[in-house]
Amino acid sequence: MKTATALDIKMTKYTFEYGASKYFRDNAQNVRMGSFGEKKDPTGAKAYIDVQNTVDSDFVAKRVKYNTTLEGL
């Protein structure tokens, strides 16, 4: 995995781009691992997730078969 450089990252008023991936910024502070909700303004520039709830961590833990970490990145 390569290290990000300033050329790989683009920040706009509504989005954050890293390489080929594009993420929306509005409401980002409300999104956590396992969050779900409705995507608002899906075709516009101000797209964001209206978080309704999160998946319970116990529910996920029962279904994880294998977990590991990568070294040397």
PDB file of N, CA and C in Angstrom:
ATOM      1  N   MET A   1       0.844  -1.172   0.000  1.00  0.00           N
ATOM      2  CA  MET A   1       0.000   0.000   0.000  1.00  0.00           C
ATOM      3  C   MET A   1       0.889   1.235   0.000  1.00  0.00           C
ATOM      4  N   LYS A   2       0.633   2.176  -0.898  1.00  0.00           N
ATOM      5  CA  LYS A   2       1.494   3.347  -0.977  1.00  0.00           C
ATOM      6  C   LYS A   2       1.008   4.442  -0.040  1.00  0.00           C
ATOM      7  N   THR A   3       1.922   5.311   0.345  1.00  0.00           N
ATOM      8  CA  THR A   3       1.608   6.427   1.221  1.00  0.00           C
ATOM      9  C   THR A   3       0.978   7.547   0.414  1.00  0.00           C
ATOM     10  N   ALA A   4      -0.027   8.205   0.987  1.00  0.00           N
ATOM     11  CA  ALA A   4      -0.717   9.299   0.308  1.00  0.00           C
ATOM     12  C   ALA A   4       0.196  10.511   0.183  1.00  0.00           C
ATOM     13  N   THR A   5       0.086  11.181  -0.917  1.00  0.00           N
ATOM     14  CA  THR A   5       0.788  12.441  -1.114  1.00  0.00           C
ATOM     15  C   THR A   5      -0.254  13.524  -1.325  1.00  0.00           C
ATOM     16  N   ALA A   6       0.179  14.754  -1.308  1.00  0.00           N
ATOM     17  CA  ALA A   6      -0.743  15.867  -1.513  1.00  0.00           C
ATOM     18  C   ALA A   6      -1.412  15.790  -2.880  1.00  0.00           C
ATOM     19  N   LEU A   7      -0.757  15.177  -3.859  1.00  0.00           N
ATOM     20  CA  LEU A   7      -1.335  15.065  -5.194  1.00  0.00           C
ATOM     21  C   LEU A   7      -2.463  14.029  -5.245  1.00  0.00           C
ATOM     22  N   ASP A   8      -2.469  13.071  -4.308  1.00  0.00           N
ATOM     23  CA  ASP A   8      -3.498  12.033  -4.282  1.00  0.00           C
ATOM     24  C   ASP A   8      -4.781  12.502  -3.599  1.00  0.00           C
ATOM     25  N   ILE A   9      -4.708  13.603  -2.857  1.00  0.00           N
ATOM     26  CA  ILE A   9      -5.830  14.064  -2.039  1.00  0.00           C
ATOM     27  C   ILE A   9      -6.395  15.363  -2.591  1.00  0.00           C
ATOM     28  N   LYS A  10      -7.723  15.407  -2.717  1.00  0.00           N
ATOM     29  CA  LYS A  10      -8.395  16.619  -3.162  1.00  0.00           C
ATOM     30  C   LYS A  10      -9.559  16.888  -2.211  1.00  0.00           C
ATOM     31  N   MET A  11      -9.613  18.084  -1.657  1.00  0.00           N
ATOM     32  CA  MET A  11     -10.650  18.452  -0.719  1.00  0.00           C
ATOM     33  C   MET A  11     -11.471  19.579  -1.326  1.00  0.00           C
ATOM     34  N   THR A  12     -12.784  19.376  -1.409  1.00  0.00           N
ATOM     35  CA  THR A  12     -13.669  20.435  -1.876  1.00  0.00           C
ATOM     36  C   THR A  12     -14.651  20.756  -0.757  1.00  0.00           C
ATOM     37  N   LYS A  13     -15.549  21.676  -0.995  1.00  0.00           N
ATOM     38  CA  LYS A  13     -16.520  22.074   0.026  1.00  0.00           C
ATOM     39  C   LYS A  13     -17.397  20.898   0.456  1.00  0.00           C
ATOM     40  N   TYR A  14     -17.737  19.999  -0.485  1.00  0.00           N
ATOM     41  CA  TYR A  14     -18.668  18.924  -0.184  1.00  0.00           C
ATOM     42  C   TYR A  14     -18.067  17.520  -0.255  1.00  0.00           C
ATOM     43  N   THR A  15     -16.866  17.374  -0.823  1.00  0.00           N
ATOM     44  CA  THR A  15     -16.288  16.037  -0.970  1.00  0.00           C
ATOM     45  C   THR A  15     -14.823  15.995  -0.551  1.00  0.00           C
ATOM     46  N   PHE A  16     -14.374  14.776  -0.288  1.00  0.00           N
ATOM     47  CA  PHE A  16     -12.985  14.471   0.002  1.00  0.00           C
ATOM     48  C   PHE A  16     -12.610  13.350  -0.962  1.00  0.00           C
ATOM     49  N   GLU A  17     -11.588  13.570  -1.777  1.00  0.00           N
ATOM     50  CA  GLU A  17     -11.174  12.567  -2.754  1.00  0.00           C
ATOM     51  C   GLU A  17      -9.779  12.066  -2.404  1.00  0.00           C
ATOM     52  N   TYR A  18      -9.644  10.756  -2.411  1.00  0.00           N
ATOM     53  CA  TYR A  18      -8.354  10.119  -2.170  1.00  0.00           C
ATOM     54  C   TYR A  18      -8.151   9.105  -3.272  1.00  0.00           C
ATOM     55  N   GLY A  19      -7.241   9.388  -4.178  1.00  0.00           N
ATOM     56  CA  GLY A  19      -7.027   8.513  -5.326  1.00  0.00           C
ATOM     57  C   GLY A  19      -8.298   8.426  -6.155  1.00  0.00           C
ATOM     58  N   ALA A  20      -8.792   7.216  -6.366  1.00  0.00           N
ATOM     59  CA  ALA A  20     -10.002   7.014  -7.167  1.00  0.00           C
ATOM     60  C   ALA A  20     -11.269   7.004  -6.308  1.00  0.00           C
ATOM     61  N   SER A  21     -11.132   7.096  -4.976  1.00  0.00           N
ATOM     62  CA  SER A  21     -12.293   7.065  -4.088  1.00  0.00           C
ATOM     63  C   SER A  21     -12.748   8.476  -3.747  1.00  0.00           C
ATOM     64  N   LYS A  22     -14.066   8.651  -3.694  1.00  0.00           N
ATOM     65  CA  LYS A  22     -14.643   9.954  -3.401  1.00  0.00           C
ATOM     66  C   LYS A  22     -15.631   9.794  -2.241  1.00  0.00           C
ATOM     67  N   TYR A  23     -15.494  10.616  -1.226  1.00  0.00           N
ATOM     68  CA  TYR A  23     -16.331  10.545  -0.035  1.00  0.00           C
ATOM     69  C   TYR A  23     -17.032  11.883   0.164  1.00  0.00           C
ATOM     70  N   PHE A  24     -18.281  11.833   0.634  1.00  0.00           N
ATOM     71  CA  PHE A  24     -18.961  13.088   0.909  1.00  0.00           C
ATOM     72  C   PHE A  24     -18.662  13.517   2.342  1.00  0.00           C
ATOM     73  N   ARG A  25     -18.676  14.836   2.586  1.00  0.00           N
ATOM     74  CA  ARG A  25     -18.254  15.386   3.865  1.00  0.00           C
ATOM     75  C   ARG A  25     -19.420  15.786   4.756  1.00  0.00           C
ATOM     76  N   ASP A  26     -20.539  16.198   4.203  1.00  0.00           N
ATOM     77  CA  ASP A  26     -21.661  16.631   5.036  1.00  0.00           C
ATOM     78  C   ASP A  26     -22.137  15.487   5.919  1.00  0.00           C
ATOM     79  N   ASN A  27     -22.355  15.769   7.181  1.00  0.00           N
ATOM     80  CA  ASN A  27     -22.826  14.805   8.179  1.00  0.00           C
ATOM     81  C   ASN A  27     -21.797  13.724   8.489  1.00  0.00           C
ATOM     82  N   ALA A  28     -20.571  13.866   8.043  1.00  0.00           N
ATOM     83  CA  ALA A  28     -19.549  12.838   8.265  1.00  0.00           C
ATOM     84  C   ALA A  28     -19.318  12.585   9.751  1.00  0.00           C
ATOM     85  N   GLN A  29     -19.511  13.584  10.577  1.00  0.00           N
ATOM     86  CA  GLN A  29     -19.303  13.427  12.015  1.00  0.00           C
ATOM     87  C   GLN A  29     -20.316  12.470  12.647  1.00  0.00           C
ATOM     88  N   ASN A  30     -21.421  12.185  11.970  1.00  0.00           N
ATOM     89  CA  ASN A  30     -22.444  11.282  12.493  1.00  0.00           C
ATOM     90  C   ASN A  30     -22.282   9.842  12.035  1.00  0.00           C
ATOM     91  N   VAL A  31     -21.384   9.593  11.095  1.00  0.00           N
ATOM     92  CA  VAL A  31     -21.216   8.252  10.540  1.00  0.00           C
ATOM     93  C   VAL A  31     -20.141   7.505  11.328  1.00  0.00           C
ATOM     94  N   ARG A  32     -20.499   6.300  11.792  1.00  0.00           N
ATOM     95  CA  ARG A  32     -19.570   5.426  12.500  1.00  0.00           C
ATOM     96  C   ARG A  32     -19.577   4.067  11.804  1.00  0.00           C
ATOM     97  N   MET A  33     -18.668   3.195  12.198  1.00  0.00           N
ATOM     98  CA  MET A  33     -18.657   1.849  11.651  1.00  0.00           C
ATOM     99  C   MET A  33     -20.003   1.195  11.944  1.00  0.00           C
ATOM    100  N   GLY A  34     -20.659   0.694  10.929  1.00  0.00           N
ATOM    101  CA  GLY A  34     -21.950   0.040  11.098  1.00  0.00           C
ATOM    102  C   GLY A  34     -23.149   0.969  10.984  1.00  0.00           C
ATOM    103  N   SER A  35     -22.916   2.243  10.668  1.00  0.00           N
ATOM    104  CA  SER A  35     -24.029   3.181  10.509  1.00  0.00           C
ATOM    105  C   SER A  35     -24.835   2.856   9.263  1.00  0.00           C
ATOM    106  N   PHE A  36     -26.125   3.124   9.323  1.00  0.00           N
ATOM    107  CA  PHE A  36     -26.962   3.003   8.138  1.00  0.00           C
ATOM    108  C   PHE A  36     -28.026   4.088   8.173  1.00  0.00           C
ATOM    109  N   GLY A  37     -28.513   4.412   6.988  1.00  0.00           N
ATOM    110  CA  GLY A  37     -29.540   5.436   6.869  1.00  0.00           C
ATOM    111  C   GLY A  37     -29.814   5.728   5.412  1.00  0.00           C
ATOM    112  N   GLU A  38     -30.481   6.835   5.186  1.00  0.00           N
ATOM    113  CA  GLU A  38     -30.867   7.214   3.826  1.00  0.00           C
ATOM    114  C   GLU A  38     -29.862   8.202   3.249  1.00  0.00           C
ATOM    115  N   LYS A  39     -29.486   7.959   2.005  1.00  0.00           N
ATOM    116  CA  LYS A  39     -28.595   8.892   1.316  1.00  0.00           C
ATOM    117  C   LYS A  39     -29.447  10.033   0.785  1.00  0.00           C
ATOM    118  N   LYS A  40     -29.121  11.232   1.182  1.00  0.00           N
ATOM    119  CA  LYS A  40     -29.865  12.416   0.766  1.00  0.00           C
ATOM    120  C   LYS A  40     -29.168  13.078  -0.413  1.00  0.00           C
ATOM    121  N   ASP A  41     -29.936  13.674  -1.281  1.00  0.00           N
ATOM    122  CA  ASP A  41     -29.426  14.354  -2.481  1.00  0.00           C
ATOM    123  C   ASP A  41     -28.433  13.464  -3.232  1.00  0.00           C
ATOM    124  N   PRO A  42     -28.822  12.218  -3.581  1.00  0.00           N
ATOM    125  CA  PRO A  42     -27.866  11.258  -4.129  1.00  0.00           C
ATOM    126  C   PRO A  42     -27.216  11.666  -5.443  1.00  0.00           C
ATOM    127  N   THR A  43     -27.832  12.533  -6.205  1.00  0.00           N
ATOM    128  CA  THR A  43     -27.224  12.918  -7.476  1.00  0.00           C
ATOM    129  C   THR A  43     -26.626  14.313  -7.430  1.00  0.00           C
ATOM    130  N   GLY A  44     -26.829  15.023  -6.356  1.00  0.00           N
ATOM    131  CA  GLY A  44     -26.329  16.391  -6.262  1.00  0.00           C
ATOM    132  C   GLY A  44     -24.967  16.479  -5.611  1.00  0.00           C
ATOM    133  N   ALA A  45     -24.455  17.674  -5.549  1.00  0.00           N
ATOM    134  CA  ALA A  45     -23.124  17.907  -4.985  1.00  0.00           C
ATOM    135  C   ALA A  45     -23.114  17.804  -3.465  1.00  0.00           C
ATOM    136  N   LYS A  46     -24.265  17.979  -2.826  1.00  0.00           N
ATOM    137  CA  LYS A  46     -24.326  17.989  -1.366  1.00  0.00           C
ATOM    138  C   LYS A  46     -24.800  16.654  -0.789  1.00  0.00           C
ATOM    139  N   ALA A  47     -24.425  15.545  -1.395  1.00  0.00           N
ATOM    140  CA  ALA A  47     -24.855  14.226  -0.923  1.00  0.00           C
ATOM    141  C   ALA A  47     -24.318  13.941   0.471  1.00  0.00           C
ATOM    142  N   TYR A  48     -25.145  13.286   1.290  1.00  0.00           N
ATOM    143  CA  TYR A  48     -24.739  12.869   2.620  1.00  0.00           C
ATOM    144  C   TYR A  48     -25.654  11.739   3.097  1.00  0.00           C
ATOM    145  N   ILE A  49     -25.236  11.050   4.150  1.00  0.00           N
ATOM    146  CA  ILE A  49     -26.063  10.008   4.740  1.00  0.00           C
ATOM    147  C   ILE A  49     -26.790  10.595   5.936  1.00  0.00           C
ATOM    148  N   ASP A  50     -28.096  10.439   5.966  1.00  0.00           N
ATOM    149  CA  ASP A  50     -28.904  10.801   7.125  1.00  0.00           C
ATOM    150  C   ASP A  50     -28.949   9.550   8.008  1.00  0.00           C
ATOM    151  N   VAL A  51     -28.048   9.470   8.979  1.00  0.00           N
ATOM    152  CA  VAL A  51     -27.894   8.268   9.798  1.00  0.00           C
ATOM    153  C   VAL A  51     -29.154   8.027  10.618  1.00  0.00           C
ATOM    154  N   GLN A  52     -29.706   6.808  10.500  1.00  0.00           N
ATOM    155  CA  GLN A  52     -30.888   6.412  11.257  1.00  0.00           C
ATOM    156  C   GLN A  52     -30.513   5.623  12.510  1.00  0.00           C
ATOM    157  N   ASN A  53     -29.483   4.772  12.391  1.00  0.00           N
ATOM    158  CA  ASN A  53     -29.085   3.925  13.499  1.00  0.00           C
ATOM    159  C   ASN A  53     -27.769   3.240  13.143  1.00  0.00           C
ATOM    160  N   THR A  54     -27.282   2.381  14.034  1.00  0.00           N
ATOM    161  CA  THR A  54     -26.085   1.593  13.750  1.00  0.00           C
ATOM    162  C   THR A  54     -26.367   0.123  14.050  1.00  0.00           C
ATOM    163  N   VAL A  55     -25.619  -0.744  13.417  1.00  0.00           N
ATOM    164  CA  VAL A  55     -25.728  -2.177  13.670  1.00  0.00           C
ATOM    165  C   VAL A  55     -25.045  -2.453  15.007  1.00  0.00           C
ATOM    166  N   ASP A  56     -25.693  -3.225  15.866  1.00  0.00           N
ATOM    167  CA  ASP A  56     -25.154  -3.556  17.174  1.00  0.00           C
ATOM    168  C   ASP A  56     -23.858  -4.355  17.021  1.00  0.00           C
ATOM    169  N   SER A  57     -22.827  -3.984  17.771  1.00  0.00           N
ATOM    170  CA  SER A  57     -21.527  -4.651  17.646  1.00  0.00           C
ATOM    171  C   SER A  57     -21.597  -6.128  18.004  1.00  0.00           C
ATOM    172  N   ASP A  58     -22.479  -6.529  18.934  1.00  0.00           N
ATOM    173  CA  ASP A  58     -22.628  -7.954  19.267  1.00  0.00           C
ATOM    174  C   ASP A  58     -23.146  -8.743  18.066  1.00  0.00           C
ATOM    175  N   PHE A  59     -24.013  -8.148  17.289  1.00  0.00           N
ATOM    176  CA  PHE A  59     -24.556  -8.790  16.092  1.00  0.00           C
ATOM    177  C   PHE A  59     -23.437  -9.068  15.085  1.00  0.00           C
ATOM    178  N   VAL A  60     -22.550  -8.102  14.924  1.00  0.00           N
ATOM    179  CA  VAL A  60     -21.442  -8.248  13.977  1.00  0.00           C
ATOM    180  C   VAL A  60     -20.411  -9.245  14.504  1.00  0.00           C
ATOM    181  N   ALA A  61     -20.092  -9.172  15.795  1.00  0.00           N
ATOM    182  CA  ALA A  61     -19.065 -10.039  16.384  1.00  0.00           C
ATOM    183  C   ALA A  61     -19.401 -11.510  16.214  1.00  0.00           C
ATOM    184  N   LYS A  62     -20.669 -11.874  16.269  1.00  0.00           N
ATOM    185  CA  LYS A  62     -21.079 -13.272  16.112  1.00  0.00           C
ATOM    186  C   LYS A  62     -20.832 -13.780  14.697  1.00  0.00           C
ATOM    187  N   ARG A  63     -20.710 -12.884  13.733  1.00  0.00           N
ATOM    188  CA  ARG A  63     -20.606 -13.286  12.337  1.00  0.00           C
ATOM    189  C   ARG A  63     -19.196 -13.161  11.749  1.00  0.00           C
ATOM    190  N   VAL A  64     -18.274 -12.582  12.496  1.00  0.00           N
ATOM    191  CA  VAL A  64     -16.896 -12.445  12.023  1.00  0.00           C
ATOM    192  C   VAL A  64     -16.188 -13.776  12.192  1.00  0.00           C
ATOM    193  N   LYS A  65     -15.671 -14.309  11.095  1.00  0.00           N
ATOM    194  CA  LYS A  65     -15.010 -15.609  11.124  1.00  0.00           C
ATOM    195  C   LYS A  65     -13.504 -15.498  11.403  1.00  0.00           C
ATOM    196  N   TYR A  66     -12.883 -14.424  10.912  1.00  0.00           N
ATOM    197  CA  TYR A  66     -11.440 -14.297  11.021  1.00  0.00           C
ATOM    198  C   TYR A  66     -11.066 -12.823  10.965  1.00  0.00           C
ATOM    199  N   ASN A  67     -10.177 -12.427  11.836  1.00  0.00           N
ATOM    200  CA  ASN A  67      -9.732 -11.041  11.854  1.00  0.00           C
ATOM    201  C   ASN A  67      -8.211 -11.041  11.937  1.00  0.00           C
ATOM    202  N   THR A  68      -7.585 -10.159  11.188  1.00  0.00           N
ATOM    203  CA  THR A  68      -6.127 -10.074  11.196  1.00  0.00           C
ATOM    204  C   THR A  68      -5.688  -8.636  10.970  1.00  0.00           C
ATOM    205  N   THR A  69      -4.427  -8.387  11.107  1.00  0.00           N
ATOM    206  CA  THR A  69      -3.855  -7.071  10.815  1.00  0.00           C
ATOM    207  C   THR A  69      -2.715  -7.231   9.841  1.00  0.00           C
ATOM    208  N   LEU A  70      -2.382  -6.164   9.158  1.00  0.00           N
ATOM    209  CA  LEU A  70      -1.254  -6.165   8.231  1.00  0.00           C
ATOM    210  C   LEU A  70      -0.071  -5.497   8.891  1.00  0.00           C
ATOM    211  N   GLU A  71       1.098  -6.035   8.682  1.00  0.00           N
ATOM    212  CA  GLU A  71       2.301  -5.438   9.226  1.00  0.00           C
ATOM    213  C   GLU A  71       3.172  -4.895   8.116  1.00  0.00           C
ATOM    214  N   GLY A  72       3.998  -3.926   8.443  1.00  0.00           N
ATOM    215  CA  GLY A  72       4.963  -3.407   7.498  1.00  0.00           C
ATOM    216  C   GLY A  72       4.403  -2.435   6.486  1.00  0.00           C
ATOM    217  N   LEU A  73       3.331  -1.756   6.827  1.00  0.00           N
ATOM    218  CA  LEU A  73       2.781  -0.772   5.884  1.00  0.00           C
ATOM    219  C   LEU A  73       3.462   0.543   6.028  1.00  0.00           C
TER     220      LEU A  73
END
